[in-house]
Amino acid sequence: MKTTDKIDVREIRRKLGLNQSQFWSKIGVTQSGGSRYESGRNIPRPVQALLRLVHIEQIDINKVKKEDVEVASYLKSSNPDLFKNLKKEAREDAKTKRKESKSR
């Protein structure tokens, strides 16, 4: 999802089974602000980015640390092949874990 894409946040929220307060509070937006976005008001790019990270990519932003981002950035620039391989392995591992948790 590009940040310029028109997204249906209400549909995303409903698919996740969350009420407005639960959904929007995870990214620091009030329920009333989220309601306005769901009604068609333009969503600022930083809010779109948080929405994508938290609700689409399923990233717990409370666990993201600056040092981790710095290490990833360093690895990506200094050893792009290793970064690419680790990224692929992490994606496959996450996919396997999601399948396992669904089958329980």
C-alpha atoms as a PDB file:
ATOM      1  CA  MET A   1       0.000   0.000   0.000  1.00  0.00           C
ATOM      2  CA  LYS A   2       1.438   3.344  -1.018  1.00  0.00           C
ATOM      3  CA  THR A   3       0.677   6.231   1.289  1.00  0.00           C
ATOM      4  CA  THR A   4      -1.037   7.990  -1.612  1.00  0.00           C
ATOM      5  CA  ASP A   5      -3.428   5.084  -2.239  1.00  0.00           C
ATOM      6  CA  LYS A   6      -7.032   5.595  -1.209  1.00  0.00           C
ATOM      7  CA  ILE A   7      -7.691   3.071   1.517  1.00  0.00           C
ATOM      8  CA  ASP A   8     -10.920   2.019   3.171  1.00  0.00           C
ATOM      9  CA  VAL A   9      -9.927   2.230   6.818  1.00  0.00           C
ATOM     10  CA  ARG A  10     -13.404   1.309   7.987  1.00  0.00           C
ATOM     11  CA  GLU A  11     -13.148  -1.967   6.069  1.00  0.00           C
ATOM     12  CA  ILE A  12      -9.699  -2.692   7.516  1.00  0.00           C
ATOM     13  CA  ARG A  13     -11.009  -2.008  11.027  1.00  0.00           C
ATOM     14  CA  ARG A  14     -14.045  -4.218  10.545  1.00  0.00           C
ATOM     15  CA  LYS A  15     -11.964  -7.080   9.125  1.00  0.00           C
ATOM     16  CA  LEU A  16      -9.812  -6.906  12.247  1.00  0.00           C
ATOM     17  CA  GLY A  17     -12.936  -7.042  14.411  1.00  0.00           C
ATOM     18  CA  LEU A  18     -12.086  -3.864  16.326  1.00  0.00           C
ATOM     19  CA  ASN A  19     -14.286  -0.976  17.376  1.00  0.00           C
ATOM     20  CA  GLN A  20     -13.162   2.548  16.497  1.00  0.00           C
ATOM     21  CA  SER A  21     -11.647   3.213  19.896  1.00  0.00           C
ATOM     22  CA  GLN A  22      -9.566   0.004  19.866  1.00  0.00           C
ATOM     23  CA  PHE A  23      -8.434   0.488  16.268  1.00  0.00           C
ATOM     24  CA  TRP A  24      -7.480   4.154  16.380  1.00  0.00           C
ATOM     25  CA  SER A  25      -5.943   4.237  19.857  1.00  0.00           C
ATOM     26  CA  LYS A  26      -3.215   1.839  18.690  1.00  0.00           C
ATOM     27  CA  ILE A  27      -1.880   4.600  16.445  1.00  0.00           C
ATOM     28  CA  GLY A  28      -2.532   7.551  18.747  1.00  0.00           C
ATOM     29  CA  VAL A  29      -5.733   8.819  17.136  1.00  0.00           C
ATOM     30  CA  THR A  30      -8.884   9.540  19.119  1.00  0.00           C
ATOM     31  CA  GLN A  31     -12.104   7.706  18.330  1.00  0.00           C
ATOM     32  CA  SER A  32     -13.675  10.927  17.035  1.00  0.00           C
ATOM     33  CA  GLY A  33     -10.667  11.650  14.815  1.00  0.00           C
ATOM     34  CA  GLY A  34     -10.774   8.109  13.465  1.00  0.00           C
ATOM     35  CA  SER A  35     -14.484   8.456  12.788  1.00  0.00           C
ATOM     36  CA  ARG A  36     -13.787  11.521  10.652  1.00  0.00           C
ATOM     37  CA  TYR A  37     -11.138   9.617   8.680  1.00  0.00           C
ATOM     38  CA  GLU A  38     -13.559   6.741   8.157  1.00  0.00           C
ATOM     39  CA  SER A  39     -16.130   9.238   6.865  1.00  0.00           C
ATOM     40  CA  GLY A  40     -13.796  10.421   4.124  1.00  0.00           C
ATOM     41  CA  ARG A  41     -11.605  13.120   5.630  1.00  0.00           C
ATOM     42  CA  ASN A  42      -8.046  13.018   4.285  1.00  0.00           C
ATOM     43  CA  ILE A  43      -5.684  11.007   6.453  1.00  0.00           C
ATOM     44  CA  PRO A  44      -2.286  12.687   6.998  1.00  0.00           C
ATOM     45  CA  ARG A  45       0.668  10.702   5.655  1.00  0.00           C
ATOM     46  CA  PRO A  46       2.193   9.999   9.090  1.00  0.00           C
ATOM     47  CA  VAL A  47      -1.136   8.534  10.237  1.00  0.00           C
ATOM     48  CA  GLN A  48      -1.359   6.485   7.022  1.00  0.00           C
ATOM     49  CA  ALA A  49       2.137   5.159   7.654  1.00  0.00           C
ATOM     50  CA  LEU A  50       1.286   4.179  11.234  1.00  0.00           C
ATOM     51  CA  LEU A  51      -1.957   2.585  10.072  1.00  0.00           C
ATOM     52  CA  ARG A  52      -0.046   0.494   7.536  1.00  0.00           C
ATOM     53  CA  LEU A  53       2.627  -0.569  10.032  1.00  0.00           C
ATOM     54  CA  VAL A  54       0.270  -1.402  12.893  1.00  0.00           C
ATOM     55  CA  HIS A  55      -2.864  -2.732  11.217  1.00  0.00           C
ATOM     56  CA  ILE A  56      -1.652  -4.100   7.876  1.00  0.00           C
ATOM     57  CA  GLU A  57       1.936  -5.154   8.592  1.00  0.00           C
ATOM     58  CA  GLN A  58       0.965  -6.136  12.179  1.00  0.00           C
ATOM     59  CA  ILE A  59       4.003  -4.427  13.737  1.00  0.00           C
ATOM     60  CA  ASP A  60       3.843  -3.674  17.456  1.00  0.00           C
ATOM     61  CA  ILE A  61       5.305  -0.178  17.387  1.00  0.00           C
ATOM     62  CA  ASN A  62       5.809  -0.272  21.153  1.00  0.00           C
ATOM     63  CA  LYS A  63       8.540  -2.868  20.573  1.00  0.00           C
ATOM     64  CA  VAL A  64      10.374  -1.040  17.761  1.00  0.00           C
ATOM     65  CA  LYS A  65      13.678   0.395  18.946  1.00  0.00           C
ATOM     66  CA  LYS A  66      15.848   2.977  17.243  1.00  0.00           C
ATOM     67  CA  GLU A  67      18.880   0.701  17.582  1.00  0.00           C
ATOM     68  CA  ASP A  68      17.098  -2.080  15.682  1.00  0.00           C
ATOM     69  CA  VAL A  69      16.296   0.289  12.832  1.00  0.00           C
ATOM     70  CA  GLU A  70      19.906   1.506  12.798  1.00  0.00           C
ATOM     71  CA  VAL A  71      21.235  -2.070  12.639  1.00  0.00           C
ATOM     72  CA  ALA A  72      18.857  -2.945   9.802  1.00  0.00           C
ATOM     73  CA  SER A  73      19.842   0.205   7.915  1.00  0.00           C
ATOM     74  CA  TYR A  74      23.546  -0.533   8.392  1.00  0.00           C
ATOM     75  CA  LEU A  75      23.163  -4.151   7.310  1.00  0.00           C
ATOM     76  CA  LYS A  76      21.141  -3.145   4.262  1.00  0.00           C
ATOM     77  CA  SER A  77      23.809  -0.690   3.090  1.00  0.00           C
ATOM     78  CA  SER A  78      26.935  -2.655   4.043  1.00  0.00           C
ATOM     79  CA  ASN A  79      25.833  -6.158   3.061  1.00  0.00           C
ATOM     80  CA  PRO A  80      22.754  -6.020   0.817  1.00  0.00           C
ATOM     81  CA  ASP A  81      22.871  -9.728  -0.100  1.00  0.00           C
ATOM     82  CA  LEU A  82      22.856 -10.837   3.528  1.00  0.00           C
ATOM     83  CA  PHE A  83      20.086  -8.333   4.276  1.00  0.00           C
ATOM     84  CA  LYS A  84      18.017  -9.677   1.371  1.00  0.00           C
ATOM     85  CA  ASN A  85      18.479 -13.291   2.513  1.00  0.00           C
ATOM     86  CA  LEU A  86      17.646 -12.502   6.153  1.00  0.00           C
ATOM     87  CA  LYS A  87      14.578 -10.567   5.059  1.00  0.00           C
ATOM     88  CA  LYS A  88      13.408 -13.531   2.983  1.00  0.00           C
ATOM     89  CA  GLU A  89      13.991 -15.979   5.860  1.00  0.00           C
ATOM     90  CA  ALA A  90      12.176 -13.727   8.331  1.00  0.00           C
ATOM     91  CA  ARG A  91       9.207 -13.416   5.975  1.00  0.00           C
ATOM     92  CA  GLU A  92       9.027 -17.194   5.515  1.00  0.00           C
ATOM     93  CA  ASP A  93       9.335 -17.759   9.271  1.00  0.00           C
ATOM     94  CA  ALA A  94       6.532 -15.288  10.003  1.00  0.00           C
ATOM     95  CA  LYS A  95       4.353 -16.933   7.365  1.00  0.00           C
ATOM     96  CA  THR A  96       4.947 -20.368   8.907  1.00  0.00           C
ATOM     97  CA  LYS A  97       4.139 -19.063  12.396  1.00  0.00           C
ATOM     98  CA  ARG A  98       0.890 -17.486  11.163  1.00  0.00           C
ATOM     99  CA  LYS A  99      -0.160 -20.789   9.569  1.00  0.00           C
ATOM    100  CA  GLU A 100       0.670 -22.683  12.767  1.00  0.00           C
ATOM    101  CA  SER A 101      -1.306 -20.282  14.944  1.00  0.00           C
ATOM    102  CA  LYS A 102      -4.339 -20.517  12.634  1.00  0.00           C
ATOM    103  CA  SER A 103      -4.316 -24.317  12.761  1.00  0.00           C
ATOM    104  CA  ARG A 104      -4.482 -24.375  16.577  1.00  0.00           C
END
